[in-house]
Amino acid sequence: MRFEKILSLLQGASLALAIAGGSYTFFTFLPFGIILALIVGLFFFLFGSFFFIMFEMAQYQIDKMDELKKQTYLLEKLSQNDQKLSYH
């Protein structure tokens, strides 16, 4: 539970890094030329987006693991019910 909250915080921070960092570096490098500003801004945007995608994949894996645990529990419960019924 705590890990999911930290993961959500990191997702937000990386998204903020992507948007704010990309736009800040774009406007910082704008006096040196628009092409250079676009390249540097895009680099920071991609850097933040990479971390956002990594944290999103981690969240997806956690959700997938939770769903598999639920399915396993239901299959074990169903299997136990089948065994009880077969003895009668």
Protein backbone atom coordinates (compact mmCIF):
# COMPACT_ATOMS: atom_id res chain seq x y z
CA MET A 1 0.00 0.00 0.00
CA ARG A 2 2.74 2.48 0.90
CA PHE A 3 4.78 1.42 -2.10
CA GLU A 4 1.84 2.17 -4.39
CA LYS A 5 1.51 5.66 -2.88
CA ILE A 6 5.22 6.32 -3.36
CA LEU A 7 4.98 4.96 -6.90
CA SER A 8 2.08 7.30 -7.62
CA LEU A 9 4.07 10.23 -6.25
CA LEU A 10 7.02 9.30 -8.45
CA GLN A 11 4.75 9.10 -11.48
CA GLY A 12 3.50 12.62 -10.82
CA ALA A 13 7.00 13.93 -10.22
CA SER A 14 8.33 12.42 -13.43
CA LEU A 15 5.39 13.80 -15.39
CA ALA A 16 6.07 17.23 -13.89
CA LEU A 17 9.74 16.83 -14.81
CA ALA A 18 8.74 16.00 -18.37
CA ILE A 19 6.41 18.96 -18.82
CA ALA A 20 8.02 21.65 -16.67
CA GLY A 21 11.59 20.59 -17.38
CA GLY A 22 11.00 20.44 -21.10
CA SER A 23 9.35 23.84 -21.27
CA TYR A 24 11.84 25.49 -18.90
CA THR A 25 14.85 24.26 -20.85
CA PHE A 26 13.16 25.22 -24.11
CA PHE A 27 12.70 28.81 -22.96
CA THR A 28 16.17 28.88 -21.40
CA PHE A 29 17.87 27.84 -24.63
CA LEU A 30 15.59 29.87 -26.90
CA PRO A 31 18.06 32.81 -27.15
CA PHE A 32 20.63 30.40 -28.63
CA GLY A 33 18.33 29.36 -31.46
CA ILE A 34 15.03 27.61 -31.88
CA ILE A 35 16.56 24.37 -33.18
CA LEU A 36 18.86 24.02 -30.16
CA ALA A 37 16.01 24.93 -27.82
CA LEU A 38 13.76 22.30 -29.40
CA ILE A 39 16.43 19.61 -29.16
CA VAL A 40 17.28 20.32 -25.52
CA GLY A 41 13.62 20.73 -24.53
CA LEU A 42 12.73 17.49 -26.28
CA PHE A 43 15.58 15.71 -24.52
CA PHE A 44 14.29 16.74 -21.08
CA PHE A 45 10.73 15.89 -22.07
CA LEU A 46 11.79 12.42 -23.18
CA PHE A 47 13.88 11.97 -20.04
CA GLY A 48 10.88 12.68 -17.80
CA SER A 49 8.58 10.62 -20.01
CA PHE A 50 10.93 7.65 -19.78
CA PHE A 51 10.70 7.64 -15.99
CA PHE A 52 6.93 8.12 -16.12
CA ILE A 53 6.60 5.09 -18.38
CA MET A 54 8.88 3.03 -16.13
CA PHE A 55 6.80 3.86 -13.04
CA GLU A 56 3.61 3.20 -14.97
CA MET A 57 4.91 -0.24 -15.98
CA ALA A 58 5.76 -0.97 -12.35
CA GLN A 59 2.21 -0.01 -11.33
CA TYR A 60 0.82 -2.24 -14.08
CA GLN A 61 2.89 -5.19 -12.84
CA ILE A 62 1.63 -4.65 -9.27
CA ASP A 63 -1.97 -4.57 -10.49
CA LYS A 64 -1.35 -7.68 -12.57
CA MET A 65 0.12 -9.52 -9.57
CA ASP A 66 -2.86 -8.55 -7.40
CA GLU A 67 -5.28 -9.81 -10.04
CA LEU A 68 -3.39 -13.09 -10.36
CA LYS A 69 -3.55 -13.54 -6.58
CA LYS A 70 -7.32 -13.03 -6.67
CA GLN A 71 -7.70 -15.53 -9.52
CA THR A 72 -5.51 -18.08 -7.75
CA TYR A 73 -7.56 -17.73 -4.57
CA LEU A 74 -10.81 -18.23 -6.50
CA LEU A 75 -9.43 -21.27 -8.35
CA GLU A 76 -8.23 -22.84 -5.09
CA LYS A 77 -11.60 -22.21 -3.49
CA LEU A 78 -13.38 -23.72 -6.50
CA SER A 79 -11.03 -26.71 -6.43
CA GLN A 80 -11.73 -27.31 -2.75
CA ASN A 81 -15.47 -27.15 -3.39
CA ASP A 82 -15.10 -29.71 -6.20
CA GLN A 83 -13.20 -32.08 -3.92
CA LYS A 84 -15.85 -31.77 -1.19
CA LEU A 85 -18.62 -32.47 -3.68
CA SER A 86 -16.89 -35.46 -5.22
CA TYR A 87 -16.64 -37.28 -1.88
CA HIS A 88 -20.41 -37.24 -1.38
